[in-house]
Amino acid sequence: MIFYAPAHHISLFYDFLYLNALLEPENQEVKDLLLSGEYTAFTDLATSSLNCQARSAAIFVGLVKAGLIHEVREYSSYLKLFRTQENG
């Protein structure tokens, strides 16, 4: 029996938007705070919303630490960071 994941996570586009917002100069203070090392876990309010800013923050920190944050500027290169049914 083979199970396939969706072509992409339902919040992938929202995460892309949040990540790019964090890269804007006017959000430098938030970016510095996320990368300060003071926070090692993120959580969000439980809602029925599809997007989760806490997940986006965790993805941001992980991509910066992995040296891949530059890949989020273009949606096509951002998608390649995530394994999906479409890109293997």
PDB file of N, CA and C in Angstrom:
ATOM      1  N   MET A   1       0.845  -1.170   0.000  1.00  0.00           N
ATOM      2  CA  MET A   1       0.000   0.000   0.000  1.00  0.00           C
ATOM      3  C   MET A   1       0.896   1.240   0.000  1.00  0.00           C
ATOM      4  N   ILE A   2       0.602   2.202  -0.836  1.00  0.00           N
ATOM      5  CA  ILE A   2       1.377   3.431  -0.933  1.00  0.00           C
ATOM      6  C   ILE A   2       0.490   4.611  -0.562  1.00  0.00           C
ATOM      7  N   PHE A   3       1.034   5.464   0.281  1.00  0.00           N
ATOM      8  CA  PHE A   3       0.339   6.688   0.659  1.00  0.00           C
ATOM      9  C   PHE A   3       1.134   7.874   0.139  1.00  0.00           C
ATOM     10  N   TYR A   4       0.452   8.825  -0.427  1.00  0.00           N
ATOM     11  CA  TYR A   4       1.115  10.023  -0.926  1.00  0.00           C
ATOM     12  C   TYR A   4       0.686  11.230  -0.107  1.00  0.00           C
ATOM     13  N   ALA A   5       1.656  12.058   0.182  1.00  0.00           N
ATOM     14  CA  ALA A   5       1.373  13.316   0.863  1.00  0.00           C
ATOM     15  C   ALA A   5       0.802  14.295  -0.159  1.00  0.00           C
ATOM     16  N   PRO A   6       0.120  15.314   0.305  1.00  0.00           N
ATOM     17  CA  PRO A   6      -0.349  16.339  -0.633  1.00  0.00           C
ATOM     18  C   PRO A   6       0.834  16.954  -1.376  1.00  0.00           C
ATOM     19  N   ALA A   7       0.564  17.564  -2.501  1.00  0.00           N
ATOM     20  CA  ALA A   7       1.630  18.184  -3.289  1.00  0.00           C
ATOM     21  C   ALA A   7       2.372  19.248  -2.481  1.00  0.00           C
ATOM     22  N   HIS A   8       1.690  19.888  -1.555  1.00  0.00           N
ATOM     23  CA  HIS A   8       2.343  20.859  -0.680  1.00  0.00           C
ATOM     24  C   HIS A   8       1.503  21.033   0.584  1.00  0.00           C
ATOM     25  N   HIS A   9       2.172  21.427   1.651  1.00  0.00           N
ATOM     26  CA  HIS A   9       1.466  21.678   2.904  1.00  0.00           C
ATOM     27  C   HIS A   9       0.524  22.856   2.689  1.00  0.00           C
ATOM     28  N   ILE A  10      -0.628  22.785   3.270  1.00  0.00           N
ATOM     29  CA  ILE A  10      -1.668  23.782   3.034  1.00  0.00           C
ATOM     30  C   ILE A  10      -1.240  25.198   3.438  1.00  0.00           C
ATOM     31  N   SER A  11      -0.303  25.313   4.370  1.00  0.00           N
ATOM     32  CA  SER A  11       0.122  26.646   4.816  1.00  0.00           C
ATOM     33  C   SER A  11       1.431  27.101   4.176  1.00  0.00           C
ATOM     34  N   LEU A  12       1.942  26.358   3.220  1.00  0.00           N
ATOM     35  CA  LEU A  12       3.236  26.676   2.625  1.00  0.00           C
ATOM     36  C   LEU A  12       3.288  28.096   2.057  1.00  0.00           C
ATOM     37  N   PHE A  13       2.227  28.520   1.404  1.00  0.00           N
ATOM     38  CA  PHE A  13       2.215  29.872   0.839  1.00  0.00           C
ATOM     39  C   PHE A  13       2.198  30.932   1.937  1.00  0.00           C
ATOM     40  N   TYR A  14       1.411  30.710   2.994  1.00  0.00           N
ATOM     41  CA  TYR A  14       1.384  31.668   4.102  1.00  0.00           C
ATOM     42  C   TYR A  14       2.758  31.773   4.754  1.00  0.00           C
ATOM     43  N   ASP A  15       3.422  30.638   4.942  1.00  0.00           N
ATOM     44  CA  ASP A  15       4.775  30.655   5.503  1.00  0.00           C
ATOM     45  C   ASP A  15       5.705  31.469   4.610  1.00  0.00           C
ATOM     46  N   PHE A  16       5.583  31.291   3.306  1.00  0.00           N
ATOM     47  CA  PHE A  16       6.389  32.044   2.343  1.00  0.00           C
ATOM     48  C   PHE A  16       6.190  33.549   2.539  1.00  0.00           C
ATOM     49  N   LEU A  17       4.957  33.971   2.713  1.00  0.00           N
ATOM     50  CA  LEU A  17       4.672  35.397   2.923  1.00  0.00           C
ATOM     51  C   LEU A  17       5.287  35.906   4.219  1.00  0.00           C
ATOM     52  N   TYR A  18       5.128  35.153   5.302  1.00  0.00           N
ATOM     53  CA  TYR A  18       5.686  35.569   6.591  1.00  0.00           C
ATOM     54  C   TYR A  18       7.208  35.631   6.540  1.00  0.00           C
ATOM     55  N   LEU A  19       7.831  34.635   5.906  1.00  0.00           N
ATOM     56  CA  LEU A  19       9.292  34.614   5.808  1.00  0.00           C
ATOM     57  C   LEU A  19       9.796  35.827   5.043  1.00  0.00           C
ATOM     58  N   ASN A  20       9.149  36.151   3.949  1.00  0.00           N
ATOM     59  CA  ASN A  20       9.572  37.318   3.179  1.00  0.00           C
ATOM     60  C   ASN A  20       9.328  38.611   3.938  1.00  0.00           C
ATOM     61  N   ALA A  21       8.272  38.666   4.719  1.00  0.00           N
ATOM     62  CA  ALA A  21       8.028  39.852   5.544  1.00  0.00           C
ATOM     63  C   ALA A  21       9.152  40.035   6.557  1.00  0.00           C
ATOM     64  N   LEU A  22       9.641  38.941   7.118  1.00  0.00           N
ATOM     65  CA  LEU A  22      10.736  39.032   8.082  1.00  0.00           C
ATOM     66  C   LEU A  22      12.031  39.524   7.442  1.00  0.00           C
ATOM     67  N   LEU A  23      12.185  39.336   6.157  1.00  0.00           N
ATOM     68  CA  LEU A  23      13.396  39.778   5.467  1.00  0.00           C
ATOM     69  C   LEU A  23      13.377  41.265   5.113  1.00  0.00           C
ATOM     70  N   GLU A  24      12.248  41.905   5.293  1.00  0.00           N
ATOM     71  CA  GLU A  24      12.149  43.335   4.993  1.00  0.00           C
ATOM     72  C   GLU A  24      12.861  44.153   6.078  1.00  0.00           C
ATOM     73  N   PRO A  25      13.537  45.246   5.689  1.00  0.00           N
ATOM     74  CA  PRO A  25      14.303  46.057   6.648  1.00  0.00           C
ATOM     75  C   PRO A  25      13.485  46.565   7.838  1.00  0.00           C
ATOM     76  N   GLU A  26      12.221  46.883   7.615  1.00  0.00           N
ATOM     77  CA  GLU A  26      11.420  47.418   8.727  1.00  0.00           C
ATOM     78  C   GLU A  26      11.108  46.370   9.795  1.00  0.00           C
ATOM     79  N   ASN A  27      11.407  45.110   9.525  1.00  0.00           N
ATOM     80  CA  ASN A  27      11.182  44.043  10.511  1.00  0.00           C
ATOM     81  C   ASN A  27      12.485  43.533  11.116  1.00  0.00           C
ATOM     82  N   GLN A  28      13.542  44.329  11.022  1.00  0.00           N
ATOM     83  CA  GLN A  28      14.852  43.924  11.535  1.00  0.00           C
ATOM     84  C   GLN A  28      14.810  43.599  13.028  1.00  0.00           C
ATOM     85  N   GLU A  29      14.066  44.374  13.794  1.00  0.00           N
ATOM     86  CA  GLU A  29      13.997  44.153  15.243  1.00  0.00           C
ATOM     87  C   GLU A  29      13.385  42.783  15.558  1.00  0.00           C
ATOM     88  N   VAL A  30      12.334  42.420  14.851  1.00  0.00           N
ATOM     89  CA  VAL A  30      11.695  41.113  15.052  1.00  0.00           C
ATOM     90  C   VAL A  30      12.655  40.004  14.637  1.00  0.00           C
ATOM     91  N   LYS A  31      13.303  40.184  13.496  1.00  0.00           N
ATOM     92  CA  LYS A  31      14.261  39.190  13.007  1.00  0.00           C
ATOM     93  C   LYS A  31      15.393  39.001  14.011  1.00  0.00           C
ATOM     94  N   ASP A  32      15.939  40.092  14.533  1.00  0.00           N
ATOM     95  CA  ASP A  32      17.019  40.005  15.515  1.00  0.00           C
ATOM     96  C   ASP A  32      16.569  39.274  16.775  1.00  0.00           C
ATOM     97  N   LEU A  33      15.352  39.538  17.196  1.00  0.00           N
ATOM     98  CA  LEU A  33      14.817  38.876  18.384  1.00  0.00           C
ATOM     99  C   LEU A  33      14.672  37.371  18.154  1.00  0.00           C
ATOM    100  N   LEU A  34      14.160  36.988  16.988  1.00  0.00           N
ATOM    101  CA  LEU A  34      14.009  35.564  16.675  1.00  0.00           C
ATOM    102  C   LEU A  34      15.353  34.853  16.628  1.00  0.00           C
ATOM    103  N   LEU A  35      16.378  35.550  16.162  1.00  0.00           N
ATOM    104  CA  LEU A  35      17.695  34.937  15.989  1.00  0.00           C
ATOM    105  C   LEU A  35      18.606  35.116  17.195  1.00  0.00           C
ATOM    106  N   SER A  36      18.122  35.762  18.237  1.00  0.00           N
ATOM    107  CA  SER A  36      18.949  36.050  19.412  1.00  0.00           C
ATOM    108  C   SER A  36      19.319  34.801  20.203  1.00  0.00           C
ATOM    109  N   GLY A  37      18.598  33.726  19.990  1.00  0.00           N
ATOM    110  CA  GLY A  37      18.848  32.514  20.760  1.00  0.00           C
ATOM    111  C   GLY A  37      18.070  32.482  22.061  1.00  0.00           C
ATOM    112  N   GLU A  38      17.397  33.571  22.357  1.00  0.00           N
ATOM    113  CA  GLU A  38      16.598  33.639  23.585  1.00  0.00           C
ATOM    114  C   GLU A  38      15.402  32.694  23.522  1.00  0.00           C
ATOM    115  N   TYR A  39      14.915  32.461  22.309  1.00  0.00           N
ATOM    116  CA  TYR A  39      13.755  31.591  22.120  1.00  0.00           C
ATOM    117  C   TYR A  39      14.177  30.333  21.369  1.00  0.00           C
ATOM    118  N   THR A  40      13.818  29.176  21.914  1.00  0.00           N
ATOM    119  CA  THR A  40      14.161  27.908  21.263  1.00  0.00           C
ATOM    120  C   THR A  40      12.923  27.120  20.870  1.00  0.00           C
ATOM    121  N   ALA A  41      11.759  27.663  21.176  1.00  0.00           N
ATOM    122  CA  ALA A  41      10.494  27.026  20.800  1.00  0.00           C
ATOM    123  C   ALA A  41       9.479  28.129  20.528  1.00  0.00           C
ATOM    124  N   PHE A  42       8.525  27.813  19.677  1.00  0.00           N
ATOM    125  CA  PHE A  42       7.500  28.784  19.300  1.00  0.00           C
ATOM    126  C   PHE A  42       6.136  28.119  19.387  1.00  0.00           C
ATOM    127  N   THR A  43       5.137  28.894  19.765  1.00  0.00           N
ATOM    128  CA  THR A  43       3.777  28.375  19.830  1.00  0.00           C
ATOM    129  C   THR A  43       2.820  29.461  19.351  1.00  0.00           C
ATOM    130  N   ASP A  44       1.637  29.062  19.019  1.00  0.00           N
ATOM    131  CA  ASP A  44       0.637  29.995  18.523  1.00  0.00           C
ATOM    132  C   ASP A  44      -0.690  29.665  19.192  1.00  0.00           C
ATOM    133  N   LEU A  45      -1.625  30.563  19.124  1.00  0.00           N
ATOM    134  CA  LEU A  45      -2.954  30.304  19.661  1.00  0.00           C
ATOM    135  C   LEU A  45      -3.644  29.235  18.825  1.00  0.00           C
ATOM    136  N   ALA A  46      -4.341  28.356  19.485  1.00  0.00           N
ATOM    137  CA  ALA A  46      -5.082  27.311  18.766  1.00  0.00           C
ATOM    138  C   ALA A  46      -6.319  27.943  18.136  1.00  0.00           C
ATOM    139  N   THR A  47      -6.339  27.949  16.820  1.00  0.00           N
ATOM    140  CA  THR A  47      -7.485  28.495  16.091  1.00  0.00           C
ATOM    141  C   THR A  47      -7.775  27.599  14.902  1.00  0.00           C
ATOM    142  N   SER A  48      -8.779  27.949  14.179  1.00  0.00           N
ATOM    143  CA  SER A  48      -9.104  27.171  12.986  1.00  0.00           C
ATOM    144  C   SER A  48      -8.424  27.740  11.745  1.00  0.00           C
ATOM    145  N   SER A  49      -7.525  28.681  11.939  1.00  0.00           N
ATOM    146  CA  SER A  49      -6.815  29.297  10.826  1.00  0.00           C
ATOM    147  C   SER A  49      -5.830  28.313  10.197  1.00  0.00           C
ATOM    148  N   LEU A  50      -5.609  28.448   8.904  1.00  0.00           N
ATOM    149  CA  LEU A  50      -4.680  27.565   8.204  1.00  0.00           C
ATOM    150  C   LEU A  50      -3.230  27.930   8.453  1.00  0.00           C
ATOM    151  N   ASN A  51      -2.977  29.182   8.738  1.00  0.00           N
ATOM    152  CA  ASN A  51      -1.605  29.621   8.914  1.00  0.00           C
ATOM    153  C   ASN A  51      -1.233  29.683  10.386  1.00  0.00           C
ATOM    154  N   CYS A  52       0.054  29.596  10.649  1.00  0.00           N
ATOM    155  CA  CYS A  52       0.549  29.606  12.021  1.00  0.00           C
ATOM    156  C   CYS A  52       1.861  30.389  12.033  1.00  0.00           C
ATOM    157  N   GLN A  53       1.846  31.557  12.622  1.00  0.00           N
ATOM    158  CA  GLN A  53       3.037  32.386  12.658  1.00  0.00           C
ATOM    159  C   GLN A  53       4.163  31.722  13.443  1.00  0.00           C
ATOM    160  N   ALA A  54       3.830  30.903  14.432  1.00  0.00           N
ATOM    161  CA  ALA A  54       4.856  30.200  15.201  1.00  0.00           C
ATOM    162  C   ALA A  54       5.627  29.235  14.309  1.00  0.00           C
ATOM    163  N   ARG A  55       4.932  28.511  13.457  1.00  0.00           N
ATOM    164  CA  ARG A  55       5.608  27.603  12.526  1.00  0.00           C
ATOM    165  C   ARG A  55       6.493  28.402  11.579  1.00  0.00           C
ATOM    166  N   SER A  56       5.990  29.524  11.094  1.00  0.00           N
ATOM    167  CA  SER A  56       6.776  30.377  10.205  1.00  0.00           C
ATOM    168  C   SER A  56       8.038  30.881  10.901  1.00  0.00           C
ATOM    169  N   ALA A  57       7.921  31.259  12.162  1.00  0.00           N
ATOM    170  CA  ALA A  57       9.086  31.718  12.922  1.00  0.00           C
ATOM    171  C   ALA A  57      10.109  30.597  13.068  1.00  0.00           C
ATOM    172  N   ALA A  58       9.642  29.397  13.363  1.00  0.00           N
ATOM    173  CA  ALA A  58      10.552  28.257  13.502  1.00  0.00           C
ATOM    174  C   ALA A  58      11.229  27.927  12.171  1.00  0.00           C
ATOM    175  N   ILE A  59      10.478  27.975  11.084  1.00  0.00           N
ATOM    176  CA  ILE A  59      11.057  27.737   9.755  1.00  0.00           C
ATOM    177  C   ILE A  59      12.102  28.806   9.455  1.00  0.00           C
ATOM    178  N   PHE A  60      11.805  30.055   9.781  1.00  0.00           N
ATOM    179  CA  PHE A  60      12.744  31.152   9.549  1.00  0.00           C
ATOM    180  C   PHE A  60      14.066  30.901  10.270  1.00  0.00           C
ATOM    181  N   VAL A  61      13.990  30.600  11.546  1.00  0.00           N
ATOM    182  CA  VAL A  61      15.209  30.359  12.330  1.00  0.00           C
ATOM    183  C   VAL A  61      15.981  29.171  11.758  1.00  0.00           C
ATOM    184  N   GLY A  62      15.277  28.105  11.420  1.00  0.00           N
ATOM    185  CA  GLY A  62      15.932  26.931  10.856  1.00  0.00           C
ATOM    186  C   GLY A  62      16.624  27.217   9.533  1.00  0.00           C
ATOM    187  N   LEU A  63      15.967  27.978   8.663  1.00  0.00           N
ATOM    188  CA  LEU A  63      16.566  28.303   7.366  1.00  0.00           C
ATOM    189  C   LEU A  63      17.774  29.224   7.514  1.00  0.00           C
ATOM    190  N   VAL A  64      17.709  30.161   8.453  1.00  0.00           N
ATOM    191  CA  VAL A  64      18.862  31.033   8.698  1.00  0.00           C
ATOM    192  C   VAL A  64      20.034  30.197   9.197  1.00  0.00           C
ATOM    193  N   LYS A  65      19.789  29.327  10.171  1.00  0.00           N
ATOM    194  CA  LYS A  65      20.864  28.491  10.725  1.00  0.00           C
ATOM    195  C   LYS A  65      21.449  27.544   9.686  1.00  0.00           C
ATOM    196  N   ALA A  66      20.623  27.110   8.738  1.00  0.00           N
ATOM    197  CA  ALA A  66      21.098  26.207   7.682  1.00  0.00           C
ATOM    198  C   ALA A  66      21.732  26.964   6.516  1.00  0.00           C
ATOM    199  N   GLY A  67      21.696  28.295   6.565  1.00  0.00           N
ATOM    200  CA  GLY A  67      22.263  29.101   5.493  1.00  0.00           C
ATOM    201  C   GLY A  67      21.432  29.084   4.224  1.00  0.00           C
ATOM    202  N   LEU A  68      20.137  28.839   4.358  1.00  0.00           N
ATOM    203  CA  LEU A  68      19.262  28.722   3.193  1.00  0.00           C
ATOM    204  C   LEU A  68      18.211  29.823   3.095  1.00  0.00           C
ATOM    205  N   ILE A  69      18.290  30.812   3.952  1.00  0.00           N
ATOM    206  CA  ILE A  69      17.238  31.827   3.982  1.00  0.00           C
ATOM    207  C   ILE A  69      17.135  32.584   2.658  1.00  0.00           C
ATOM    208  N   HIS A  70      18.220  32.689   1.924  1.00  0.00           N
ATOM    209  CA  HIS A  70      18.188  33.387   0.632  1.00  0.00           C
ATOM    210  C   HIS A  70      17.273  32.691  -0.376  1.00  0.00           C
ATOM    211  N   GLU A  71      16.958  31.414  -0.138  1.00  0.00           N
ATOM    212  CA  GLU A  71      16.114  30.646  -1.054  1.00  0.00           C
ATOM    213  C   GLU A  71      14.634  31.030  -0.977  1.00  0.00           C
ATOM    214  N   VAL A  72      14.253  31.834   0.012  1.00  0.00           N
ATOM    215  CA  VAL A  72      12.825  32.129   0.175  1.00  0.00           C
ATOM    216  C   VAL A  72      12.352  33.337  -0.625  1.00  0.00           C
ATOM    217  N   ARG A  73      13.243  34.049  -1.246  1.00  0.00           N
ATOM    218  CA  ARG A  73      12.837  35.231  -2.012  1.00  0.00           C
ATOM    219  C   ARG A  73      12.000  34.863  -3.232  1.00  0.00           C
ATOM    220  N   GLU A  74      12.334  33.775  -3.883  1.00  0.00           N
ATOM    221  CA  GLU A  74      11.585  33.300  -5.051  1.00  0.00           C
ATOM    222  C   GLU A  74      10.748  32.096  -4.637  1.00  0.00           C
ATOM    223  N   TYR A  75       9.469  32.119  -4.960  1.00  0.00           N
ATOM    224  CA  TYR A  75       8.568  31.046  -4.531  1.00  0.00           C
ATOM    225  C   TYR A  75       9.005  29.689  -5.074  1.00  0.00           C
ATOM    226  N   SER A  76       9.484  29.645  -6.296  1.00  0.00           N
ATOM    227  CA  SER A  76       9.893  28.361  -6.884  1.00  0.00           C
ATOM    228  C   SER A  76      11.088  27.765  -6.144  1.00  0.00           C
ATOM    229  N   SER A  77      12.060  28.586  -5.757  1.00  0.00           N
ATOM    230  CA  SER A  77      13.204  28.054  -5.008  1.00  0.00           C
ATOM    231  C   SER A  77      12.800  27.710  -3.579  1.00  0.00           C
ATOM    232  N   TYR A  78      11.869  28.463  -3.021  1.00  0.00           N
ATOM    233  CA  TYR A  78      11.345  28.165  -1.682  1.00  0.00           C
ATOM    234  C   TYR A  78      10.669  26.795  -1.665  1.00  0.00           C
ATOM    235  N   LEU A  79       9.859  26.503  -2.680  1.00  0.00           N
ATOM    236  CA  LEU A  79       9.167  25.215  -2.741  1.00  0.00           C
ATOM    237  C   LEU A  79      10.139  24.044  -2.800  1.00  0.00           C
ATOM    238  N   LYS A  80      11.281  24.241  -3.423  1.00  0.00           N
ATOM    239  CA  LYS A  80      12.269  23.167  -3.539  1.00  0.00           C
ATOM    240  C   LYS A  80      12.871  22.784  -2.191  1.00  0.00           C
ATOM    241  N   LEU A  81      12.730  23.647  -1.192  1.00  0.00           N
ATOM    242  CA  LEU A  81      13.232  23.337   0.146  1.00  0.00           C
ATOM    243  C   LEU A  81      12.378  22.292   0.850  1.00  0.00           C
ATOM    244  N   PHE A  82      11.174  22.078   0.351  1.00  0.00           N
ATOM    245  CA  PHE A  82      10.232  21.168   0.986  1.00  0.00           C
ATOM    246  C   PHE A  82       9.944  20.004   0.060  1.00  0.00           C
ATOM    247  N   ARG A  83      10.103  18.819   0.558  1.00  0.00           N
ATOM    248  CA  ARG A  83       9.857  17.628  -0.251  1.00  0.00           C
ATOM    249  C   ARG A  83       8.354  17.468  -0.447  1.00  0.00           C
ATOM    250  N   THR A  84       7.948  17.399  -1.681  1.00  0.00           N
ATOM    251  CA  THR A  84       6.537  17.218  -1.988  1.00  0.00           C
ATOM    252  C   THR A  84       6.389  16.113  -3.018  1.00  0.00           C
ATOM    253  N   GLN A  85       5.184  15.691  -3.219  1.00  0.00           N
ATOM    254  CA  GLN A  85       4.901  14.651  -4.208  1.00  0.00           C
ATOM    255  C   GLN A  85       5.348  15.102  -5.597  1.00  0.00           C
ATOM    256  N   GLU A  86       5.225  16.384  -5.879  1.00  0.00           N
ATOM    257  CA  GLU A  86       5.568  16.902  -7.198  1.00  0.00           C
ATOM    258  C   GLU A  86       7.067  16.940  -7.454  1.00  0.00           C
ATOM    259  N   ASN A  87       7.870  17.258  -6.406  1.00  0.00           N
ATOM    260  CA  ASN A  87       9.305  17.398  -6.655  1.00  0.00           C
ATOM    261  C   ASN A  87      10.139  16.286  -6.033  1.00  0.00           C
ATOM    262  N   GLY A  88       9.507  15.243  -5.525  1.00  0.00           N
ATOM    263  CA  GLY A  88      10.203  14.077  -5.002  1.00  0.00           C
ATOM    264  C   GLY A  88      10.857  14.309  -3.706  1.00  0.00           C
TER     265      GLY A  88
END
